[in-house]
Amino acid sequence: IDWSCLCNDFIDFYIVTNTFSKNKIKEVTGKKVYVIPHHTVSESLIAKDVSKKPKVLGYLGIDDQLSQRELILEFCKKNNLEFYENHPKDRYQCREDLKKIDIGVVYLDLNKRTDYVLKVKPNQKLSNYQCFGIPSVVVGYESYKEFGGESAYILAENTDKLIKGLEKLLSSESERKQIQENGYKAAEKLLLKNLISYYNAII
């Protein structure tokens, strides 16, 4: 990414979604740069019962930002899980989709095409899963590491860890409950009402 292409005298300040992006922009401009994570799609935390065995594994987003789809589908078939995938067109559809999912997944193979995605894309997918009480297995987006909370998701750095993480959530009620509890704590900070202060600080 040529960060200097974002520089313009008409710009007074920048808002970015993680510290990695802030540091990159600060290398090419003297303007102020603020980190504001993406707010959750719901304005409140959504209660979900994770004591029951999961039935639906889900991914929400554009289709080229999920790798190893065949491996995931094979896992679902082997474990009698439904795989739900959609790119919701608005907030209402996104909320309705999230209500259908029992385990969330976000996975990308690391290559030149996906490198920028992992480094600069926002925390939105994980934070929405957490807001809806959905335990998740995710790849290491910089934004997830920064805003996803402690022990609030399972990190999958390769396909082996992806499958083992999914197996753990599928088989362990205590693991699902612990990740959900920590996920709620992370998502609470990212509700819109709690992010308003970030914008007020700029003003």
N, C-alpha and C. Protein backbone atom coordinates (compact mmCIF):
# COMPACT_ATOMS: atom_id res chain seq x y z
N ILE A 1 0.85 -1.19 0.00
CA ILE A 1 0.00 0.00 0.00
C ILE A 1 0.88 1.23 0.00
N ASP A 2 0.60 2.16 -0.91
CA ASP A 2 1.30 3.44 -0.94
C ASP A 2 0.49 4.42 -0.08
N TRP A 3 0.87 4.51 1.18
CA TRP A 3 0.10 5.32 2.12
C TRP A 3 0.13 6.81 1.77
N SER A 4 1.16 7.23 1.03
CA SER A 4 1.26 8.65 0.68
C SER A 4 0.14 9.10 -0.25
N CYS A 5 -0.51 8.15 -0.93
CA CYS A 5 -1.61 8.53 -1.83
C CYS A 5 -2.81 9.06 -1.04
N LEU A 6 -2.82 8.83 0.27
CA LEU A 6 -3.90 9.34 1.12
C LEU A 6 -3.65 10.76 1.60
N CYS A 7 -2.48 11.28 1.28
CA CYS A 7 -2.13 12.62 1.76
C CYS A 7 -2.71 13.70 0.84
N ASN A 8 -3.28 14.72 1.48
CA ASN A 8 -3.85 15.83 0.73
C ASN A 8 -3.96 17.03 1.66
N ASP A 9 -3.66 18.20 1.16
CA ASP A 9 -3.71 19.41 1.99
C ASP A 9 -5.11 19.70 2.52
N PHE A 10 -6.12 19.19 1.84
CA PHE A 10 -7.50 19.45 2.27
C PHE A 10 -7.90 18.61 3.48
N ILE A 11 -7.11 17.59 3.80
CA ILE A 11 -7.43 16.71 4.93
C ILE A 11 -6.88 17.31 6.22
N ASP A 12 -7.75 17.45 7.22
CA ASP A 12 -7.34 18.01 8.51
C ASP A 12 -6.83 16.94 9.47
N PHE A 13 -7.45 15.76 9.44
CA PHE A 13 -7.02 14.67 10.30
C PHE A 13 -7.53 13.36 9.71
N TYR A 14 -7.03 12.26 10.24
CA TYR A 14 -7.40 10.93 9.74
C TYR A 14 -8.03 10.10 10.85
N ILE A 15 -9.00 9.27 10.47
CA ILE A 15 -9.55 8.27 11.37
C ILE A 15 -9.27 6.91 10.74
N VAL A 16 -8.61 6.04 11.49
CA VAL A 16 -8.29 4.69 11.00
C VAL A 16 -8.78 3.67 12.01
N THR A 17 -8.78 2.40 11.60
CA THR A 17 -9.41 1.38 12.44
C THR A 17 -8.46 0.58 13.32
N ASN A 18 -7.16 0.80 13.19
CA ASN A 18 -6.24 0.14 14.11
C ASN A 18 -4.91 0.88 14.19
N THR A 19 -4.09 0.50 15.15
CA THR A 19 -2.82 1.19 15.39
C THR A 19 -1.82 0.95 14.27
N PHE A 20 -1.88 -0.23 13.63
CA PHE A 20 -0.99 -0.49 12.50
C PHE A 20 -1.18 0.57 11.42
N SER A 21 -2.43 0.85 11.07
CA SER A 21 -2.72 1.85 10.05
C SER A 21 -2.29 3.24 10.49
N LYS A 22 -2.51 3.55 11.76
CA LYS A 22 -2.10 4.85 12.29
C LYS A 22 -0.59 5.04 12.12
N ASN A 23 0.17 4.04 12.48
CA ASN A 23 1.63 4.15 12.37
C ASN A 23 2.08 4.32 10.93
N LYS A 24 1.40 3.65 10.00
CA LYS A 24 1.76 3.75 8.59
C LYS A 24 1.46 5.15 8.04
N ILE A 25 0.31 5.69 8.40
CA ILE A 25 -0.05 7.03 7.91
C ILE A 25 0.85 8.10 8.54
N LYS A 26 1.22 7.91 9.77
CA LYS A 26 2.09 8.90 10.44
C LYS A 26 3.48 8.94 9.82
N GLU A 27 3.85 7.90 9.07
CA GLU A 27 5.14 7.91 8.38
C GLU A 27 5.14 8.86 7.19
N VAL A 28 3.94 9.22 6.69
CA VAL A 28 3.87 10.03 5.46
C VAL A 28 3.15 11.36 5.65
N THR A 29 2.69 11.65 6.88
CA THR A 29 2.01 12.92 7.10
C THR A 29 2.24 13.40 8.52
N GLY A 30 2.16 14.71 8.70
CA GLY A 30 2.27 15.30 10.03
C GLY A 30 0.91 15.58 10.64
N LYS A 31 -0.17 15.24 9.92
CA LYS A 31 -1.52 15.49 10.42
C LYS A 31 -1.85 14.52 11.57
N LYS A 32 -2.83 14.90 12.36
CA LYS A 32 -3.26 14.04 13.46
C LYS A 32 -3.98 12.80 12.92
N VAL A 33 -3.75 11.68 13.59
CA VAL A 33 -4.37 10.41 13.20
C VAL A 33 -5.02 9.78 14.43
N TYR A 34 -6.29 9.44 14.32
CA TYR A 34 -7.04 8.86 15.44
C TYR A 34 -7.45 7.43 15.12
N VAL A 35 -7.31 6.55 16.09
CA VAL A 35 -7.77 5.16 15.94
C VAL A 35 -9.15 5.04 16.57
N ILE A 36 -10.13 4.66 15.75
CA ILE A 36 -11.48 4.40 16.24
C ILE A 36 -11.94 3.06 15.67
N PRO A 37 -12.12 2.06 16.52
CA PRO A 37 -12.56 0.75 16.02
C PRO A 37 -13.98 0.82 15.48
N HIS A 38 -14.34 -0.16 14.67
CA HIS A 38 -15.67 -0.20 14.10
C HIS A 38 -16.69 -0.59 15.17
N HIS A 39 -17.80 0.13 15.23
CA HIS A 39 -18.83 -0.21 16.21
C HIS A 39 -19.60 -1.46 15.78
N THR A 40 -20.23 -2.11 16.73
CA THR A 40 -21.01 -3.32 16.45
C THR A 40 -22.29 -2.97 15.69
N VAL A 41 -22.84 -3.96 15.00
CA VAL A 41 -24.04 -3.73 14.20
C VAL A 41 -25.29 -3.58 15.07
N SER A 42 -25.24 -4.13 16.28
CA SER A 42 -26.35 -3.97 17.22
C SER A 42 -26.00 -2.91 18.25
N GLU A 43 -27.00 -2.19 18.72
CA GLU A 43 -26.76 -1.14 19.72
C GLU A 43 -26.75 -1.69 21.14
N SER A 44 -26.96 -3.00 21.28
CA SER A 44 -26.90 -3.64 22.60
C SER A 44 -26.40 -5.06 22.42
N LEU A 45 -25.94 -5.68 23.52
CA LEU A 45 -25.51 -7.07 23.47
C LEU A 45 -26.73 -7.97 23.33
N ILE A 46 -26.58 -9.02 22.54
CA ILE A 46 -27.69 -9.93 22.27
C ILE A 46 -27.45 -11.25 23.01
N ALA A 47 -28.41 -11.64 23.86
CA ALA A 47 -28.28 -12.87 24.63
C ALA A 47 -28.37 -14.09 23.72
N LYS A 48 -27.50 -15.08 23.96
CA LYS A 48 -27.53 -16.31 23.19
C LYS A 48 -27.20 -17.48 24.11
N ASP A 49 -27.96 -18.56 23.99
CA ASP A 49 -27.73 -19.76 24.79
C ASP A 49 -26.72 -20.65 24.06
N VAL A 50 -25.53 -20.78 24.64
CA VAL A 50 -24.49 -21.60 24.00
C VAL A 50 -24.34 -22.96 24.70
N SER A 51 -25.28 -23.30 25.57
CA SER A 51 -25.21 -24.58 26.27
C SER A 51 -25.59 -25.74 25.35
N LYS A 52 -26.42 -25.45 24.34
CA LYS A 52 -26.83 -26.49 23.41
C LYS A 52 -25.75 -26.73 22.36
N LYS A 53 -25.70 -27.94 21.85
CA LYS A 53 -24.71 -28.27 20.84
C LYS A 53 -24.94 -27.43 19.59
N PRO A 54 -23.90 -26.78 19.06
CA PRO A 54 -24.05 -25.92 17.87
C PRO A 54 -24.58 -26.68 16.67
N LYS A 55 -25.40 -25.99 15.89
CA LYS A 55 -25.97 -26.57 14.67
C LYS A 55 -25.53 -25.84 13.41
N VAL A 56 -25.16 -24.55 13.56
CA VAL A 56 -24.84 -23.74 12.38
C VAL A 56 -23.48 -23.07 12.53
N LEU A 57 -22.60 -23.34 11.59
CA LEU A 57 -21.32 -22.65 11.48
C LEU A 57 -21.50 -21.57 10.42
N GLY A 58 -21.07 -20.34 10.72
CA GLY A 58 -21.37 -19.26 9.79
C GLY A 58 -20.25 -18.29 9.52
N TYR A 59 -20.34 -17.67 8.35
CA TYR A 59 -19.41 -16.60 7.93
C TYR A 59 -20.23 -15.52 7.25
N LEU A 60 -20.00 -14.26 7.67
CA LEU A 60 -20.64 -13.12 7.03
C LEU A 60 -19.57 -12.21 6.44
N GLY A 61 -19.68 -11.90 5.16
CA GLY A 61 -18.70 -11.04 4.51
C GLY A 61 -18.61 -11.38 3.03
N ILE A 62 -17.73 -10.68 2.33
CA ILE A 62 -17.58 -10.95 0.90
C ILE A 62 -16.87 -12.29 0.72
N ASP A 63 -17.23 -12.99 -0.33
CA ASP A 63 -16.80 -14.39 -0.44
C ASP A 63 -15.30 -14.56 -0.65
N ASP A 64 -14.61 -13.56 -1.19
CA ASP A 64 -13.18 -13.74 -1.42
C ASP A 64 -12.33 -13.44 -0.18
N GLN A 65 -13.00 -13.18 0.94
CA GLN A 65 -12.27 -13.01 2.19
C GLN A 65 -12.50 -14.17 3.15
N LEU A 66 -12.83 -15.32 2.57
CA LEU A 66 -12.86 -16.57 3.33
C LEU A 66 -12.10 -17.62 2.53
N SER A 67 -10.99 -18.09 3.07
CA SER A 67 -10.19 -19.14 2.45
C SER A 67 -10.59 -20.50 3.02
N GLN A 68 -10.14 -21.54 2.37
CA GLN A 68 -10.36 -22.92 2.82
C GLN A 68 -11.84 -23.26 2.98
N ARG A 69 -12.65 -22.74 2.06
CA ARG A 69 -14.09 -22.99 2.12
C ARG A 69 -14.41 -24.49 2.02
N GLU A 70 -13.71 -25.17 1.13
CA GLU A 70 -13.96 -26.60 0.95
C GLU A 70 -13.63 -27.39 2.22
N LEU A 71 -12.54 -27.00 2.88
CA LEU A 71 -12.16 -27.65 4.13
C LEU A 71 -13.23 -27.42 5.20
N ILE A 72 -13.75 -26.20 5.25
CA ILE A 72 -14.79 -25.86 6.22
C ILE A 72 -16.08 -26.62 5.92
N LEU A 73 -16.44 -26.71 4.64
CA LEU A 73 -17.64 -27.46 4.25
C LEU A 73 -17.49 -28.95 4.59
N GLU A 74 -16.30 -29.46 4.39
CA GLU A 74 -16.03 -30.87 4.72
C GLU A 74 -16.17 -31.10 6.22
N PHE A 75 -15.67 -30.14 7.03
CA PHE A 75 -15.81 -30.22 8.48
C PHE A 75 -17.29 -30.23 8.87
N CYS A 76 -18.07 -29.37 8.24
CA CYS A 76 -19.49 -29.29 8.54
C CYS A 76 -20.20 -30.60 8.21
N LYS A 77 -19.90 -31.14 7.05
CA LYS A 77 -20.53 -32.39 6.63
C LYS A 77 -20.18 -33.53 7.60
N LYS A 78 -18.93 -33.57 7.99
CA LYS A 78 -18.46 -34.62 8.90
C LYS A 78 -19.12 -34.52 10.27
N ASN A 79 -19.44 -33.29 10.69
CA ASN A 79 -19.97 -33.07 12.04
C ASN A 79 -21.45 -32.69 12.06
N ASN A 80 -22.13 -32.94 10.94
CA ASN A 80 -23.57 -32.69 10.85
C ASN A 80 -23.93 -31.24 11.19
N LEU A 81 -23.14 -30.32 10.65
CA LEU A 81 -23.38 -28.89 10.84
C LEU A 81 -23.87 -28.27 9.54
N GLU A 82 -24.73 -27.29 9.68
CA GLU A 82 -25.11 -26.47 8.52
C GLU A 82 -24.08 -25.35 8.37
N PHE A 83 -23.70 -25.02 7.14
CA PHE A 83 -22.83 -23.88 6.91
C PHE A 83 -23.66 -22.75 6.33
N TYR A 84 -23.70 -21.62 7.04
CA TYR A 84 -24.46 -20.46 6.58
C TYR A 84 -23.48 -19.37 6.18
N GLU A 85 -23.66 -18.85 4.97
CA GLU A 85 -22.76 -17.81 4.47
C GLU A 85 -23.59 -16.74 3.76
N ASN A 86 -23.28 -15.48 4.03
CA ASN A 86 -23.99 -14.39 3.36
C ASN A 86 -23.17 -13.11 3.45
N HIS A 87 -23.42 -12.21 2.51
CA HIS A 87 -22.87 -10.86 2.57
C HIS A 87 -24.06 -9.92 2.73
N PRO A 88 -24.46 -9.64 3.98
CA PRO A 88 -25.68 -8.86 4.21
C PRO A 88 -25.61 -7.47 3.59
N LYS A 89 -26.75 -7.03 3.08
CA LYS A 89 -26.78 -5.76 2.35
C LYS A 89 -27.03 -4.55 3.25
N ASP A 90 -27.49 -4.78 4.49
CA ASP A 90 -27.74 -3.66 5.40
C ASP A 90 -27.68 -4.15 6.84
N ARG A 91 -27.86 -3.23 7.78
CA ARG A 91 -27.74 -3.56 9.21
C ARG A 91 -28.81 -4.56 9.64
N TYR A 92 -30.03 -4.38 9.14
CA TYR A 92 -31.11 -5.29 9.51
C TYR A 92 -30.77 -6.72 9.09
N GLN A 93 -30.36 -6.90 7.84
CA GLN A 93 -30.03 -8.23 7.35
C GLN A 93 -28.86 -8.83 8.11
N CYS A 94 -27.88 -8.00 8.46
CA CYS A 94 -26.73 -8.48 9.21
C CYS A 94 -27.16 -9.00 10.58
N ARG A 95 -28.02 -8.28 11.25
CA ARG A 95 -28.49 -8.71 12.56
C ARG A 95 -29.29 -10.02 12.46
N GLU A 96 -30.12 -10.13 11.43
CA GLU A 96 -30.90 -11.35 11.24
C GLU A 96 -29.99 -12.54 10.93
N ASP A 97 -28.95 -12.30 10.15
CA ASP A 97 -27.99 -13.36 9.83
C ASP A 97 -27.25 -13.83 11.08
N LEU A 98 -26.82 -12.88 11.90
CA LEU A 98 -26.07 -13.23 13.11
C LEU A 98 -26.88 -14.08 14.07
N LYS A 99 -28.18 -13.89 14.10
CA LYS A 99 -29.05 -14.68 14.98
C LYS A 99 -29.08 -16.15 14.58
N LYS A 100 -28.71 -16.45 13.34
CA LYS A 100 -28.77 -17.83 12.84
C LYS A 100 -27.52 -18.64 13.17
N ILE A 101 -26.44 -17.96 13.55
CA ILE A 101 -25.12 -18.60 13.65
C ILE A 101 -24.81 -19.03 15.08
N ASP A 102 -24.28 -20.26 15.23
CA ASP A 102 -23.89 -20.77 16.54
C ASP A 102 -22.37 -20.68 16.75
N ILE A 103 -21.60 -20.88 15.69
CA ILE A 103 -20.15 -20.72 15.73
C ILE A 103 -19.74 -19.86 14.55
N GLY A 104 -18.94 -18.83 14.80
CA GLY A 104 -18.48 -17.96 13.74
C GLY A 104 -17.10 -18.35 13.25
N VAL A 105 -16.82 -18.07 12.00
CA VAL A 105 -15.50 -18.36 11.45
C VAL A 105 -15.06 -17.21 10.54
N VAL A 106 -13.77 -16.87 10.63
CA VAL A 106 -13.12 -15.94 9.70
C VAL A 106 -11.73 -16.52 9.45
N TYR A 107 -11.46 -16.90 8.21
CA TYR A 107 -10.15 -17.48 7.93
C TYR A 107 -9.64 -17.06 6.57
N LEU A 108 -8.36 -16.65 6.54
CA LEU A 108 -7.67 -16.29 5.30
C LEU A 108 -6.30 -16.95 5.26
N ASP A 109 -5.96 -17.52 4.13
CA ASP A 109 -4.58 -17.95 3.92
C ASP A 109 -3.72 -16.70 3.78
N LEU A 110 -2.50 -16.75 4.30
CA LEU A 110 -1.60 -15.60 4.20
C LEU A 110 -0.88 -15.61 2.86
N ASN A 111 -1.10 -14.56 2.07
CA ASN A 111 -0.39 -14.38 0.81
C ASN A 111 -0.37 -12.89 0.48
N LYS A 112 0.18 -12.52 -0.65
CA LYS A 112 0.30 -11.10 -0.99
C LYS A 112 -1.07 -10.44 -1.11
N ARG A 113 -2.05 -11.18 -1.61
CA ARG A 113 -3.38 -10.59 -1.79
C ARG A 113 -4.06 -10.33 -0.45
N THR A 114 -3.87 -11.25 0.51
CA THR A 114 -4.59 -11.12 1.77
C THR A 114 -3.80 -10.36 2.84
N ASP A 115 -2.55 -10.08 2.58
CA ASP A 115 -1.71 -9.44 3.60
C ASP A 115 -2.31 -8.12 4.08
N TYR A 116 -2.78 -7.28 3.14
CA TYR A 116 -3.34 -5.99 3.54
C TYR A 116 -4.65 -6.15 4.30
N VAL A 117 -5.42 -7.20 3.95
CA VAL A 117 -6.68 -7.45 4.64
C VAL A 117 -6.41 -7.71 6.13
N LEU A 118 -5.46 -8.59 6.40
CA LEU A 118 -5.14 -8.95 7.78
C LEU A 118 -4.58 -7.76 8.56
N LYS A 119 -3.89 -6.86 7.87
CA LYS A 119 -3.24 -5.75 8.57
C LYS A 119 -4.14 -4.54 8.77
N VAL A 120 -5.00 -4.23 7.80
CA VAL A 120 -5.70 -2.95 7.89
C VAL A 120 -7.22 -3.02 7.97
N LYS A 121 -7.82 -4.18 7.68
CA LYS A 121 -9.28 -4.25 7.73
C LYS A 121 -9.76 -4.14 9.19
N PRO A 122 -10.97 -3.62 9.38
CA PRO A 122 -11.46 -3.38 10.75
C PRO A 122 -11.86 -4.64 11.48
N ASN A 123 -12.26 -4.46 12.73
CA ASN A 123 -12.61 -5.52 13.66
C ASN A 123 -14.04 -6.02 13.50
N GLN A 124 -14.74 -5.56 12.49
CA GLN A 124 -16.19 -5.68 12.40
C GLN A 124 -16.73 -7.10 12.51
N LYS A 125 -16.17 -8.04 11.75
CA LYS A 125 -16.73 -9.40 11.75
C LYS A 125 -16.67 -10.02 13.15
N LEU A 126 -15.49 -9.99 13.75
CA LEU A 126 -15.34 -10.58 15.08
C LEU A 126 -16.20 -9.87 16.11
N SER A 127 -16.21 -8.55 16.10
CA SER A 127 -16.97 -7.78 17.10
C SER A 127 -18.46 -8.05 16.99
N ASN A 128 -18.96 -8.22 15.77
CA ASN A 128 -20.37 -8.55 15.60
C ASN A 128 -20.69 -9.94 16.13
N TYR A 129 -19.81 -10.91 15.85
CA TYR A 129 -19.99 -12.24 16.44
C TYR A 129 -20.06 -12.12 17.96
N GLN A 130 -19.13 -11.39 18.54
CA GLN A 130 -19.06 -11.27 20.00
C GLN A 130 -20.30 -10.57 20.56
N CYS A 131 -20.76 -9.56 19.87
CA CYS A 131 -21.94 -8.82 20.32
C CYS A 131 -23.16 -9.73 20.38
N PHE A 132 -23.22 -10.72 19.49
CA PHE A 132 -24.36 -11.64 19.44
C PHE A 132 -24.08 -12.94 20.21
N GLY A 133 -23.01 -12.95 21.00
CA GLY A 133 -22.71 -14.09 21.85
C GLY A 133 -22.26 -15.32 21.10
N ILE A 134 -21.66 -15.13 19.93
CA ILE A 134 -21.26 -16.25 19.07
C ILE A 134 -19.78 -16.56 19.28
N PRO A 135 -19.43 -17.71 19.85
CA PRO A 135 -18.02 -18.10 19.96
C PRO A 135 -17.44 -18.29 18.57
N SER A 136 -16.18 -17.87 18.37
CA SER A 136 -15.64 -17.85 17.01
C SER A 136 -14.21 -18.32 16.93
N VAL A 137 -13.88 -18.84 15.74
CA VAL A 137 -12.51 -19.18 15.38
C VAL A 137 -12.11 -18.23 14.26
N VAL A 138 -11.05 -17.46 14.48
CA VAL A 138 -10.70 -16.41 13.52
C VAL A 138 -9.20 -16.37 13.26
N VAL A 139 -8.87 -15.86 12.09
CA VAL A 139 -7.48 -15.63 11.74
C VAL A 139 -7.03 -14.30 12.38
N GLY A 140 -5.71 -14.08 12.40
CA GLY A 140 -5.19 -12.96 13.17
C GLY A 140 -5.18 -11.60 12.50
N TYR A 141 -6.35 -11.03 12.26
CA TYR A 141 -6.41 -9.63 11.84
C TYR A 141 -5.74 -8.78 12.93
N GLU A 142 -5.02 -7.74 12.53
CA GLU A 142 -4.44 -6.82 13.51
C GLU A 142 -5.54 -6.20 14.37
N SER A 143 -6.65 -5.88 13.74
CA SER A 143 -7.76 -5.26 14.47
C SER A 143 -8.39 -6.21 15.48
N TYR A 144 -8.40 -7.51 15.16
CA TYR A 144 -8.95 -8.48 16.10
C TYR A 144 -8.06 -8.57 17.33
N LYS A 145 -6.76 -8.60 17.08
CA LYS A 145 -5.81 -8.68 18.19
C LYS A 145 -5.89 -7.43 19.07
N GLU A 146 -6.15 -6.29 18.46
CA GLU A 146 -6.18 -5.03 19.21
C GLU A 146 -7.49 -4.84 19.97
N PHE A 147 -8.62 -5.25 19.39
CA PHE A 147 -9.92 -4.95 20.00
C PHE A 147 -10.75 -6.18 20.34
N GLY A 148 -10.24 -7.38 20.08
CA GLY A 148 -11.03 -8.59 20.28
C GLY A 148 -11.09 -9.11 21.70
N GLY A 149 -10.27 -8.53 22.60
CA GLY A 149 -10.32 -8.94 23.99
C GLY A 149 -9.44 -10.15 24.28
N GLU A 150 -9.31 -10.47 25.57
CA GLU A 150 -8.49 -11.60 26.03
C GLU A 150 -9.33 -12.87 26.12
N SER A 151 -8.82 -13.95 25.56
CA SER A 151 -9.50 -15.25 25.60
C SER A 151 -10.96 -15.13 25.16
N ALA A 152 -11.19 -14.31 24.14
CA ALA A 152 -12.55 -14.02 23.68
C ALA A 152 -12.83 -14.60 22.30
N TYR A 153 -11.88 -15.37 21.76
CA TYR A 153 -12.02 -16.06 20.48
C TYR A 153 -10.89 -17.08 20.40
N ILE A 154 -10.97 -17.97 19.44
CA ILE A 154 -9.88 -18.92 19.20
C ILE A 154 -9.12 -18.45 17.96
N LEU A 155 -7.82 -18.28 18.10
CA LEU A 155 -6.99 -17.80 17.00
C LEU A 155 -6.53 -18.98 16.14
N ALA A 156 -6.76 -18.86 14.84
CA ALA A 156 -6.38 -19.91 13.89
C ALA A 156 -5.34 -19.35 12.92
N GLU A 157 -4.08 -19.65 13.15
CA GLU A 157 -3.01 -19.13 12.31
C GLU A 157 -2.71 -20.03 11.11
N ASN A 158 -3.29 -21.24 11.11
CA ASN A 158 -3.13 -22.17 9.99
C ASN A 158 -4.33 -23.10 9.97
N THR A 159 -4.41 -23.95 8.95
CA THR A 159 -5.59 -24.80 8.80
C THR A 159 -5.71 -25.83 9.92
N ASP A 160 -4.60 -26.30 10.43
CA ASP A 160 -4.63 -27.25 11.54
C ASP A 160 -5.30 -26.63 12.76
N LYS A 161 -4.91 -25.39 13.08
CA LYS A 161 -5.50 -24.70 14.22
C LYS A 161 -6.96 -24.31 13.94
N LEU A 162 -7.28 -24.07 12.68
CA LEU A 162 -8.66 -23.78 12.31
C LEU A 162 -9.56 -24.96 12.67
N ILE A 163 -9.19 -26.15 12.22
CA ILE A 163 -10.00 -27.33 12.48
C ILE A 163 -10.02 -27.68 13.97
N LYS A 164 -8.88 -27.61 14.62
CA LYS A 164 -8.84 -27.92 16.05
C LYS A 164 -9.68 -26.92 16.85
N GLY A 165 -9.67 -25.65 16.44
CA GLY A 165 -10.48 -24.64 17.12
C GLY A 165 -11.97 -24.91 16.95
N LEU A 166 -12.36 -25.27 15.74
CA LEU A 166 -13.76 -25.59 15.48
C LEU A 166 -14.19 -26.83 16.27
N GLU A 167 -13.32 -27.82 16.32
CA GLU A 167 -13.62 -29.04 17.09
C GLU A 167 -13.79 -28.72 18.57
N LYS A 168 -12.97 -27.84 19.09
CA LYS A 168 -13.04 -27.48 20.50
C LYS A 168 -14.37 -26.80 20.82
N LEU A 169 -14.78 -25.86 19.96
CA LEU A 169 -16.05 -25.16 20.20
C LEU A 169 -17.23 -26.10 20.03
N LEU A 170 -17.12 -27.01 19.11
CA LEU A 170 -18.22 -27.94 18.87
C LEU A 170 -18.41 -28.90 20.04
N SER A 171 -17.31 -29.31 20.66
CA SER A 171 -17.39 -30.36 21.68
C SER A 171 -17.45 -29.86 23.12
N SER A 172 -17.02 -28.60 23.35
CA SER A 172 -16.89 -28.14 24.74
C SER A 172 -17.85 -27.00 25.07
N GLU A 173 -18.84 -27.30 25.88
CA GLU A 173 -19.78 -26.26 26.33
C GLU A 173 -19.06 -25.22 27.19
N SER A 174 -18.15 -25.67 28.05
CA SER A 174 -17.43 -24.73 28.93
C SER A 174 -16.58 -23.77 28.11
N GLU A 175 -15.98 -24.25 27.03
CA GLU A 175 -15.17 -23.38 26.16
C GLU A 175 -16.06 -22.34 25.48
N ARG A 176 -17.20 -22.77 25.01
CA ARG A 176 -18.13 -21.84 24.37
C ARG A 176 -18.58 -20.76 25.35
N LYS A 177 -18.89 -21.17 26.58
CA LYS A 177 -19.38 -20.21 27.57
C LYS A 177 -18.29 -19.22 27.98
N GLN A 178 -17.05 -19.71 28.12
CA GLN A 178 -15.95 -18.83 28.51
C GLN A 178 -15.65 -17.81 27.42
N ILE A 179 -15.60 -18.27 26.18
CA ILE A 179 -15.33 -17.37 25.06
C ILE A 179 -16.47 -16.37 24.88
N GLN A 180 -17.69 -16.84 25.07
CA GLN A 180 -18.83 -15.93 24.96
C GLN A 180 -18.76 -14.83 26.02
N GLU A 181 -18.48 -15.23 27.25
CA GLU A 181 -18.40 -14.26 28.36
C GLU A 181 -17.34 -13.19 28.09
N ASN A 182 -16.17 -13.62 27.66
CA ASN A 182 -15.09 -12.67 27.36
C ASN A 182 -15.40 -11.86 26.11
N GLY A 183 -16.09 -12.48 25.17
CA GLY A 183 -16.47 -11.77 23.95
C GLY A 183 -17.46 -10.65 24.23
N TYR A 184 -18.39 -10.89 25.13
CA TYR A 184 -19.34 -9.85 25.52
C TYR A 184 -18.59 -8.63 26.11
N LYS A 185 -17.56 -8.91 26.90
CA LYS A 185 -16.79 -7.82 27.51
C LYS A 185 -16.11 -6.97 26.44
N ALA A 186 -15.58 -7.64 25.42
CA ALA A 186 -14.93 -6.91 24.33
C ALA A 186 -15.94 -6.13 23.51
N ALA A 187 -17.08 -6.75 23.22
CA ALA A 187 -18.10 -6.11 22.39
C ALA A 187 -18.78 -4.93 23.10
N GLU A 188 -18.91 -5.03 24.41
CA GLU A 188 -19.54 -3.95 25.19
C GLU A 188 -18.83 -2.61 24.93
N LYS A 189 -17.52 -2.64 24.83
CA LYS A 189 -16.74 -1.42 24.61
C LYS A 189 -16.98 -0.84 23.22
N LEU A 190 -17.49 -1.68 22.31
CA LEU A 190 -17.63 -1.26 20.91
C LEU A 190 -19.07 -1.01 20.50
N LEU A 191 -19.97 -0.97 21.48
CA LEU A 191 -21.33 -0.53 21.19
C LEU A 191 -21.27 0.95 20.80
N LEU A 192 -22.15 1.34 19.91
CA LEU A 192 -22.12 2.72 19.40
C LEU A 192 -22.14 3.76 20.52
N LYS A 193 -22.95 3.52 21.55
CA LYS A 193 -23.06 4.49 22.64
C LYS A 193 -21.73 4.69 23.37
N ASN A 194 -20.89 3.65 23.34
CA ASN A 194 -19.60 3.74 24.02
C ASN A 194 -18.48 4.25 23.13
N LEU A 195 -18.71 4.26 21.81
CA LEU A 195 -17.70 4.79 20.89
C LEU A 195 -17.89 6.27 20.59
N ILE A 196 -19.03 6.81 20.99
CA ILE A 196 -19.28 8.24 20.75
C ILE A 196 -18.18 9.09 21.38
N SER A 197 -17.67 8.65 22.53
CA SER A 197 -16.63 9.41 23.23
C SER A 197 -15.36 9.54 22.40
N TYR A 198 -15.08 8.53 21.54
CA TYR A 198 -13.91 8.61 20.67
C TYR A 198 -14.05 9.80 19.71
N TYR A 199 -15.24 9.97 19.17
CA TYR A 199 -15.48 11.07 18.23
C TYR A 199 -15.52 12.41 18.95
N ASN A 200 -16.13 12.43 20.15
CA ASN A 200 -16.17 13.66 20.93
C ASN A 200 -14.77 14.13 21.31
N ALA A 201 -13.86 13.18 21.51
CA ALA A 201 -12.48 13.54 21.85
C ALA A 201 -11.82 14.29 20.71
N ILE A 202 -12.17 13.94 19.47
CA ILE A 202 -11.63 14.64 18.30
C ILE A 202 -12.17 16.06 18.26
N ILE A 203 -13.47 16.20 18.50
CA ILE A 203 -14.09 17.52 18.47
C ILE A 203 -13.46 18.43 19.51
